[in-house]
Amino acid sequence: MTLNYSAKITVDAKDKTKAIYDSVNTDNEFYPENPVKTEIKFNEQLIISVESNHLPHLRANLNSTLRLIQASYDSIESVKI
């Protein structure tokens, strides 16, 4: 099966990147029925790859993932010691 739409996004949050990865990837691992093929990798940066047959599904998945990343970053920032 060939997927028609794809996107790849790289996020670098410096020293917070690993914590954000752990937070966001947990959601991804526990949603196996996701209609969008979503892969999140950590290699000094977050690398998010998504593929879908439907552009609206791809957009919705990216929006959700990016909001989760922003929420994780903001949470970490709010408890700076």
PDB file of N, CA and C in Angstrom:
ATOM      1  N   MET A   1       0.845  -1.178   0.000  1.00  0.00           N
ATOM      2  CA  MET A   1       0.000   0.000   0.000  1.00  0.00           C
ATOM      3  C   MET A   1       0.888   1.238   0.000  1.00  0.00           C
ATOM      4  N   THR A   2       0.658   2.135  -0.919  1.00  0.00           N
ATOM      5  CA  THR A   2       1.413   3.378  -0.994  1.00  0.00           C
ATOM      6  C   THR A   2       0.606   4.489  -0.338  1.00  0.00           C
ATOM      7  N   LEU A   3       1.254   5.227   0.524  1.00  0.00           N
ATOM      8  CA  LEU A   3       0.592   6.344   1.174  1.00  0.00           C
ATOM      9  C   LEU A   3       0.856   7.606   0.363  1.00  0.00           C
ATOM     10  N   ASN A   4      -0.182   8.416   0.194  1.00  0.00           N
ATOM     11  CA  ASN A   4      -0.111   9.555  -0.708  1.00  0.00           C
ATOM     12  C   ASN A   4       0.531  10.803  -0.120  1.00  0.00           C
ATOM     13  N   TYR A   5       0.410  11.025   1.164  1.00  0.00           N
ATOM     14  CA  TYR A   5       0.889  12.254   1.779  1.00  0.00           C
ATOM     15  C   TYR A   5       1.869  11.923   2.900  1.00  0.00           C
ATOM     16  N   SER A   6       2.883  12.749   3.029  1.00  0.00           N
ATOM     17  CA  SER A   6       3.836  12.530   4.112  1.00  0.00           C
ATOM     18  C   SER A   6       4.434  13.862   4.539  1.00  0.00           C
ATOM     19  N   ALA A   7       4.937  13.874   5.761  1.00  0.00           N
ATOM     20  CA  ALA A   7       5.608  15.060   6.293  1.00  0.00           C
ATOM     21  C   ALA A   7       6.666  14.597   7.282  1.00  0.00           C
ATOM     22  N   LYS A   8       7.724  15.375   7.375  1.00  0.00           N
ATOM     23  CA  LYS A   8       8.792  15.094   8.329  1.00  0.00           C
ATOM     24  C   LYS A   8       9.149  16.405   9.012  1.00  0.00           C
ATOM     25  N   ILE A   9       9.129  16.385  10.332  1.00  0.00           N
ATOM     26  CA  ILE A   9       9.409  17.589  11.117  1.00  0.00           C
ATOM     27  C   ILE A   9      10.501  17.274  12.122  1.00  0.00           C
ATOM     28  N   THR A  10      11.430  18.181  12.264  1.00  0.00           N
ATOM     29  CA  THR A  10      12.508  18.049  13.240  1.00  0.00           C
ATOM     30  C   THR A  10      12.342  19.133  14.290  1.00  0.00           C
ATOM     31  N   VAL A  11      12.446  18.733  15.553  1.00  0.00           N
ATOM     32  CA  VAL A  11      12.306  19.664  16.670  1.00  0.00           C
ATOM     33  C   VAL A  11      13.545  19.568  17.541  1.00  0.00           C
ATOM     34  N   ASP A  12      14.129  20.713  17.862  1.00  0.00           N
ATOM     35  CA  ASP A  12      15.288  20.760  18.748  1.00  0.00           C
ATOM     36  C   ASP A  12      14.957  21.661  19.925  1.00  0.00           C
ATOM     37  N   ALA A  13      14.787  21.061  21.086  1.00  0.00           N
ATOM     38  CA  ALA A  13      14.468  21.809  22.299  1.00  0.00           C
ATOM     39  C   ALA A  13      15.650  21.780  23.272  1.00  0.00           C
ATOM     40  N   LYS A  14      16.842  21.656  22.715  1.00  0.00           N
ATOM     41  CA  LYS A  14      18.092  21.637  23.492  1.00  0.00           C
ATOM     42  C   LYS A  14      18.040  20.544  24.562  1.00  0.00           C
ATOM     43  N   ASP A  15      18.273  20.899  25.811  1.00  0.00           N
ATOM     44  CA  ASP A  15      18.349  19.913  26.892  1.00  0.00           C
ATOM     45  C   ASP A  15      16.997  19.310  27.275  1.00  0.00           C
ATOM     46  N   LYS A  16      15.910  19.836  26.742  1.00  0.00           N
ATOM     47  CA  LYS A  16      14.572  19.331  27.064  1.00  0.00           C
ATOM     48  C   LYS A  16      14.066  18.312  26.043  1.00  0.00           C
ATOM     49  N   THR A  17      14.810  18.116  24.974  1.00  0.00           N
ATOM     50  CA  THR A  17      14.330  17.287  23.865  1.00  0.00           C
ATOM     51  C   THR A  17      14.042  15.852  24.294  1.00  0.00           C
ATOM     52  N   LYS A  18      14.904  15.230  25.064  1.00  0.00           N
ATOM     53  CA  LYS A  18      14.701  13.831  25.484  1.00  0.00           C
ATOM     54  C   LYS A  18      13.445  13.694  26.346  1.00  0.00           C
ATOM     55  N   ALA A  19      13.240  14.630  27.266  1.00  0.00           N
ATOM     56  CA  ALA A  19      12.047  14.576  28.121  1.00  0.00           C
ATOM     57  C   ALA A  19      10.779  14.745  27.290  1.00  0.00           C
ATOM     58  N   ILE A  20      10.826  15.622  26.315  1.00  0.00           N
ATOM     59  CA  ILE A  20       9.672  15.820  25.440  1.00  0.00           C
ATOM     60  C   ILE A  20       9.424  14.558  24.620  1.00  0.00           C
ATOM     61  N   TYR A  21      10.474  13.954  24.110  1.00  0.00           N
ATOM     62  CA  TYR A  21      10.349  12.705  23.352  1.00  0.00           C
ATOM     63  C   TYR A  21       9.665  11.632  24.195  1.00  0.00           C
ATOM     64  N   ASP A  22      10.128  11.452  25.428  1.00  0.00           N
ATOM     65  CA  ASP A  22       9.541  10.434  26.299  1.00  0.00           C
ATOM     66  C   ASP A  22       8.058  10.686  26.519  1.00  0.00           C
ATOM     67  N   SER A  23       7.685  11.931  26.668  1.00  0.00           N
ATOM     68  CA  SER A  23       6.289  12.294  26.892  1.00  0.00           C
ATOM     69  C   SER A  23       5.425  12.056  25.658  1.00  0.00           C
ATOM     70  N   VAL A  24       5.868  12.536  24.528  1.00  0.00           N
ATOM     71  CA  VAL A  24       5.069  12.472  23.301  1.00  0.00           C
ATOM     72  C   VAL A  24       5.039  11.068  22.715  1.00  0.00           C
ATOM     73  N   ASN A  25       6.134  10.362  22.762  1.00  0.00           N
ATOM     74  CA  ASN A  25       6.175   9.030  22.160  1.00  0.00           C
ATOM     75  C   ASN A  25       5.295   8.040  22.912  1.00  0.00           C
ATOM     76  N   THR A  26       5.087   8.251  24.182  1.00  0.00           N
ATOM     77  CA  THR A  26       4.198   7.380  24.957  1.00  0.00           C
ATOM     78  C   THR A  26       2.795   7.394  24.355  1.00  0.00           C
ATOM     79  N   ASP A  27       2.293   8.573  24.018  1.00  0.00           N
ATOM     80  CA  ASP A  27       0.970   8.662  23.387  1.00  0.00           C
ATOM     81  C   ASP A  27       0.952   7.911  22.067  1.00  0.00           C
ATOM     82  N   ASN A  28       1.998   8.045  21.309  1.00  0.00           N
ATOM     83  CA  ASN A  28       2.076   7.395  20.008  1.00  0.00           C
ATOM     84  C   ASN A  28       2.085   5.873  20.140  1.00  0.00           C
ATOM     85  N   GLU A  29       2.805   5.343  21.113  1.00  0.00           N
ATOM     86  CA  GLU A  29       2.901   3.892  21.293  1.00  0.00           C
ATOM     87  C   GLU A  29       1.585   3.257  21.723  1.00  0.00           C
ATOM     88  N   PHE A  30       0.745   4.000  22.444  1.00  0.00           N
ATOM     89  CA  PHE A  30      -0.495   3.436  22.953  1.00  0.00           C
ATOM     90  C   PHE A  30      -1.705   3.781  22.094  1.00  0.00           C
ATOM     91  N   TYR A  31      -1.474   4.099  20.822  1.00  0.00           N
ATOM     92  CA  TYR A  31      -2.558   4.376  19.890  1.00  0.00           C
ATOM     93  C   TYR A  31      -2.288   3.635  18.584  1.00  0.00           C
ATOM     94  N   PRO A  32      -2.245   2.279  18.644  1.00  0.00           N
ATOM     95  CA  PRO A  32      -1.888   1.495  17.463  1.00  0.00           C
ATOM     96  C   PRO A  32      -2.915   1.591  16.328  1.00  0.00           C
ATOM     97  N   GLU A  33      -4.145   1.951  16.634  1.00  0.00           N
ATOM     98  CA  GLU A  33      -5.180   2.031  15.599  1.00  0.00           C
ATOM     99  C   GLU A  33      -5.191   3.391  14.892  1.00  0.00           C
ATOM    100  N   ASN A  34      -4.182   4.197  15.139  1.00  0.00           N
ATOM    101  CA  ASN A  34      -4.056   5.497  14.496  1.00  0.00           C
ATOM    102  C   ASN A  34      -4.092   5.322  12.978  1.00  0.00           C
ATOM    103  N   PRO A  35      -4.995   6.035  12.283  1.00  0.00           N
ATOM    104  CA  PRO A  35      -5.075   5.888  10.820  1.00  0.00           C
ATOM    105  C   PRO A  35      -3.891   6.528  10.085  1.00  0.00           C
ATOM    106  N   VAL A  36      -3.082   7.277  10.810  1.00  0.00           N
ATOM    107  CA  VAL A  36      -1.910   7.918  10.224  1.00  0.00           C
ATOM    108  C   VAL A  36      -0.664   7.189  10.732  1.00  0.00           C
ATOM    109  N   LYS A  37       0.180   6.754   9.810  1.00  0.00           N
ATOM    110  CA  LYS A  37       1.430   6.106  10.215  1.00  0.00           C
ATOM    111  C   LYS A  37       2.333   7.193  10.806  1.00  0.00           C
ATOM    112  N   THR A  38       2.591   7.075  12.102  1.00  0.00           N
ATOM    113  CA  THR A  38       3.361   8.099  12.805  1.00  0.00           C
ATOM    114  C   THR A  38       4.575   7.453  13.452  1.00  0.00           C
ATOM    115  N   GLU A  39       5.733   8.025  13.193  1.00  0.00           N
ATOM    116  CA  GLU A  39       6.973   7.527  13.780  1.00  0.00           C
ATOM    117  C   GLU A  39       7.696   8.705  14.428  1.00  0.00           C
ATOM    118  N   ILE A  40       8.074   8.530  15.687  1.00  0.00           N
ATOM    119  CA  ILE A  40       8.800   9.574  16.405  1.00  0.00           C
ATOM    120  C   ILE A  40      10.124   8.977  16.867  1.00  0.00           C
ATOM    121  N   LYS A  41      11.205   9.614  16.472  1.00  0.00           N
ATOM    122  CA  LYS A  41      12.540   9.149  16.842  1.00  0.00           C
ATOM    123  C   LYS A  41      13.276  10.237  17.596  1.00  0.00           C
ATOM    124  N   PHE A  42      14.246   9.799  18.399  1.00  0.00           N
ATOM    125  CA  PHE A  42      15.094  10.742  19.123  1.00  0.00           C
ATOM    126  C   PHE A  42      16.544  10.464  18.754  1.00  0.00           C
ATOM    127  N   ASN A  43      17.201  11.496  18.247  1.00  0.00           N
ATOM    128  CA  ASN A  43      18.629  11.431  17.952  1.00  0.00           C
ATOM    129  C   ASN A  43      19.174  12.846  18.121  1.00  0.00           C
ATOM    130  N   GLU A  44      19.298  13.271  19.374  1.00  0.00           N
ATOM    131  CA  GLU A  44      19.667  14.646  19.725  1.00  0.00           C
ATOM    132  C   GLU A  44      18.558  15.632  19.376  1.00  0.00           C
ATOM    133  N   GLN A  45      17.683  15.268  18.473  1.00  0.00           N
ATOM    134  CA  GLN A  45      16.506  16.053  18.101  1.00  0.00           C
ATOM    135  C   GLN A  45      15.327  15.096  17.981  1.00  0.00           C
ATOM    136  N   LEU A  46      14.109  15.652  18.036  1.00  0.00           N
ATOM    137  CA  LEU A  46      12.920  14.856  17.742  1.00  0.00           C
ATOM    138  C   LEU A  46      12.738  14.840  16.236  1.00  0.00           C
ATOM    139  N   ILE A  47      12.513  13.669  15.689  1.00  0.00           N
ATOM    140  CA  ILE A  47      12.237  13.543  14.266  1.00  0.00           C
ATOM    141  C   ILE A  47      10.873  12.870  14.144  1.00  0.00           C
ATOM    142  N   ILE A  48       9.913  13.616  13.629  1.00  0.00           N
ATOM    143  CA  ILE A  48       8.541  13.141  13.519  1.00  0.00           C
ATOM    144  C   ILE A  48       8.248  12.913  12.040  1.00  0.00           C
ATOM    145  N   SER A  49       7.887  11.683  11.698  1.00  0.00           N
ATOM    146  CA  SER A  49       7.531  11.340  10.322  1.00  0.00           C
ATOM    147  C   SER A  49       6.102  10.829  10.319  1.00  0.00           C
ATOM    148  N   VAL A  50       5.281  11.375   9.441  1.00  0.00           N
ATOM    149  CA  VAL A  50       3.892  10.939   9.342  1.00  0.00           C
ATOM    150  C   VAL A  50       3.544  10.668   7.887  1.00  0.00           C
ATOM    151  N   GLU A  51       2.699   9.671   7.680  1.00  0.00           N
ATOM    152  CA  GLU A  51       2.234   9.299   6.343  1.00  0.00           C
ATOM    153  C   GLU A  51       0.758   8.935   6.423  1.00  0.00           C
ATOM    154  N   SER A  52       0.009   9.312   5.395  1.00  0.00           N
ATOM    155  CA  SER A  52      -1.417   9.013   5.379  1.00  0.00           C
ATOM    156  C   SER A  52      -1.951   9.031   3.959  1.00  0.00           C
ATOM    157  N   ASN A  53      -3.054   8.350   3.754  1.00  0.00           N
ATOM    158  CA  ASN A  53      -3.762   8.407   2.477  1.00  0.00           C
ATOM    159  C   ASN A  53      -4.667   9.626   2.400  1.00  0.00           C
ATOM    160  N   HIS A  54      -4.926  10.247   3.536  1.00  0.00           N
ATOM    161  CA  HIS A  54      -5.874  11.363   3.601  1.00  0.00           C
ATOM    162  C   HIS A  54      -5.192  12.588   4.199  1.00  0.00           C
ATOM    163  N   LEU A  55      -5.168  13.646   3.443  1.00  0.00           N
ATOM    164  CA  LEU A  55      -4.516  14.872   3.887  1.00  0.00           C
ATOM    165  C   LEU A  55      -5.116  15.434   5.183  1.00  0.00           C
ATOM    166  N   PRO A  56      -6.449  15.454   5.364  1.00  0.00           N
ATOM    167  CA  PRO A  56      -6.988  15.960   6.630  1.00  0.00           C
ATOM    168  C   PRO A  56      -6.522  15.151   7.848  1.00  0.00           C
ATOM    169  N   HIS A  57      -6.373  13.833   7.691  1.00  0.00           N
ATOM    170  CA  HIS A  57      -5.878  13.005   8.795  1.00  0.00           C
ATOM    171  C   HIS A  57      -4.429  13.362   9.116  1.00  0.00           C
ATOM    172  N   LEU A  58      -3.632  13.562   8.093  1.00  0.00           N
ATOM    173  CA  LEU A  58      -2.230  13.929   8.289  1.00  0.00           C
ATOM    174  C   LEU A  58      -2.132  15.271   9.018  1.00  0.00           C
ATOM    175  N   ARG A  59      -2.913  16.235   8.581  1.00  0.00           N
ATOM    176  CA  ARG A  59      -2.907  17.562   9.207  1.00  0.00           C
ATOM    177  C   ARG A  59      -3.344  17.484  10.671  1.00  0.00           C
ATOM    178  N   ALA A  60      -4.398  16.754  10.938  1.00  0.00           N
ATOM    179  CA  ALA A  60      -4.888  16.631  12.306  1.00  0.00           C
ATOM    180  C   ALA A  60      -3.855  15.958  13.207  1.00  0.00           C
ATOM    181  N   ASN A  61      -3.208  14.929  12.686  1.00  0.00           N
ATOM    182  CA  ASN A  61      -2.181  14.233  13.460  1.00  0.00           C
ATOM    183  C   ASN A  61      -1.002  15.154  13.755  1.00  0.00           C
ATOM    184  N   LEU A  62      -0.563  15.901  12.759  1.00  0.00           N
ATOM    185  CA  LEU A  62       0.542  16.843  12.981  1.00  0.00           C
ATOM    186  C   LEU A  62       0.166  17.914  13.997  1.00  0.00           C
ATOM    187  N   ASN A  63      -1.033  18.459  13.865  1.00  0.00           N
ATOM    188  CA  ASN A  63      -1.472  19.475  14.829  1.00  0.00           C
ATOM    189  C   ASN A  63      -1.466  18.928  16.247  1.00  0.00           C
ATOM    190  N   SER A  64      -2.004  17.733  16.429  1.00  0.00           N
ATOM    191  CA  SER A  64      -2.044  17.127  17.767  1.00  0.00           C
ATOM    192  C   SER A  64      -0.644  16.880  18.309  1.00  0.00           C
ATOM    193  N   THR A  65       0.219  16.341  17.474  1.00  0.00           N
ATOM    194  CA  THR A  65       1.580  16.043  17.905  1.00  0.00           C
ATOM    195  C   THR A  65       2.333  17.318  18.271  1.00  0.00           C
ATOM    196  N   LEU A  66       2.212  18.339  17.444  1.00  0.00           N
ATOM    197  CA  LEU A  66       2.902  19.605  17.735  1.00  0.00           C
ATOM    198  C   LEU A  66       2.348  20.281  18.988  1.00  0.00           C
ATOM    199  N   ARG A  67       1.050  20.166  19.217  1.00  0.00           N
ATOM    200  CA  ARG A  67       0.467  20.718  20.460  1.00  0.00           C
ATOM    201  C   ARG A  67       0.997  19.963  21.681  1.00  0.00           C
ATOM    202  N   LEU A  68       1.124  18.644  21.572  1.00  0.00           N
ATOM    203  CA  LEU A  68       1.679  17.863  22.678  1.00  0.00           C
ATOM    204  C   LEU A  68       3.129  18.258  22.960  1.00  0.00           C
ATOM    205  N   ILE A  69       3.887  18.478  21.913  1.00  0.00           N
ATOM    206  CA  ILE A  69       5.273  18.916  22.081  1.00  0.00           C
ATOM    207  C   ILE A  69       5.317  20.268  22.777  1.00  0.00           C
ATOM    208  N   GLN A  70       4.480  21.194  22.329  1.00  0.00           N
ATOM    209  CA  GLN A  70       4.444  22.519  22.950  1.00  0.00           C
ATOM    210  C   GLN A  70       4.009  22.440  24.407  1.00  0.00           C
ATOM    211  N   ALA A  71       3.008  21.614  24.701  1.00  0.00           N
ATOM    212  CA  ALA A  71       2.541  21.461  26.085  1.00  0.00           C
ATOM    213  C   ALA A  71       3.630  20.851  26.964  1.00  0.00           C
ATOM    214  N   SER A  72       4.350  19.871  26.442  1.00  0.00           N
ATOM    215  CA  SER A  72       5.446  19.263  27.201  1.00  0.00           C
ATOM    216  C   SER A  72       6.533  20.281  27.482  1.00  0.00           C
ATOM    217  N   TYR A  73       6.917  21.041  26.462  1.00  0.00           N
ATOM    218  CA  TYR A  73       7.945  22.065  26.623  1.00  0.00           C
ATOM    219  C   TYR A  73       7.505  23.105  27.654  1.00  0.00           C
ATOM    220  N   ASP A  74       6.274  23.573  27.540  1.00  0.00           N
ATOM    221  CA  ASP A  74       5.769  24.584  28.468  1.00  0.00           C
ATOM    222  C   ASP A  74       5.727  24.064  29.904  1.00  0.00           C
ATOM    223  N   SER A  75       5.351  22.784  30.067  1.00  0.00           N
ATOM    224  CA  SER A  75       5.315  22.187  31.409  1.00  0.00           C
ATOM    225  C   SER A  75       6.701  22.129  32.021  1.00  0.00           C
ATOM    226  N   ILE A  76       7.669  21.729  31.230  1.00  0.00           N
ATOM    227  CA  ILE A  76       9.050  21.660  31.721  1.00  0.00           C
ATOM    228  C   ILE A  76       9.538  23.052  32.101  1.00  0.00           C
ATOM    229  N   GLU A  77       9.256  24.019  31.266  1.00  0.00           N
ATOM    230  CA  GLU A  77       9.668  25.403  31.518  1.00  0.00           C
ATOM    231  C   GLU A  77       9.013  25.975  32.780  1.00  0.00           C
ATOM    232  N   SER A  78       7.780  25.574  33.062  1.00  0.00           N
ATOM    233  CA  SER A  78       7.051  26.144  34.199  1.00  0.00           C
ATOM    234  C   SER A  78       7.595  25.677  35.549  1.00  0.00           C
ATOM    235  N   VAL A  79       8.355  24.591  35.557  1.00  0.00           N
ATOM    236  CA  VAL A  79       8.907  24.097  36.825  1.00  0.00           C
ATOM    237  C   VAL A  79      10.417  24.236  36.889  1.00  0.00           C
ATOM    238  N   LYS A  80      10.932  25.223  36.178  1.00  0.00           N
ATOM    239  CA  LYS A  80      12.377  25.456  36.185  1.00  0.00           C
ATOM    240  C   LYS A  80      12.879  25.644  37.617  1.00  0.00           C
ATOM    241  N   ILE A  81      13.964  24.976  37.910  1.00  0.00           N
ATOM    242  CA  ILE A  81      14.552  25.095  39.248  1.00  0.00           C
ATOM    243  C   ILE A  81      15.879  25.814  39.137  1.00  0.00           C
TER     244      ILE A  81
END
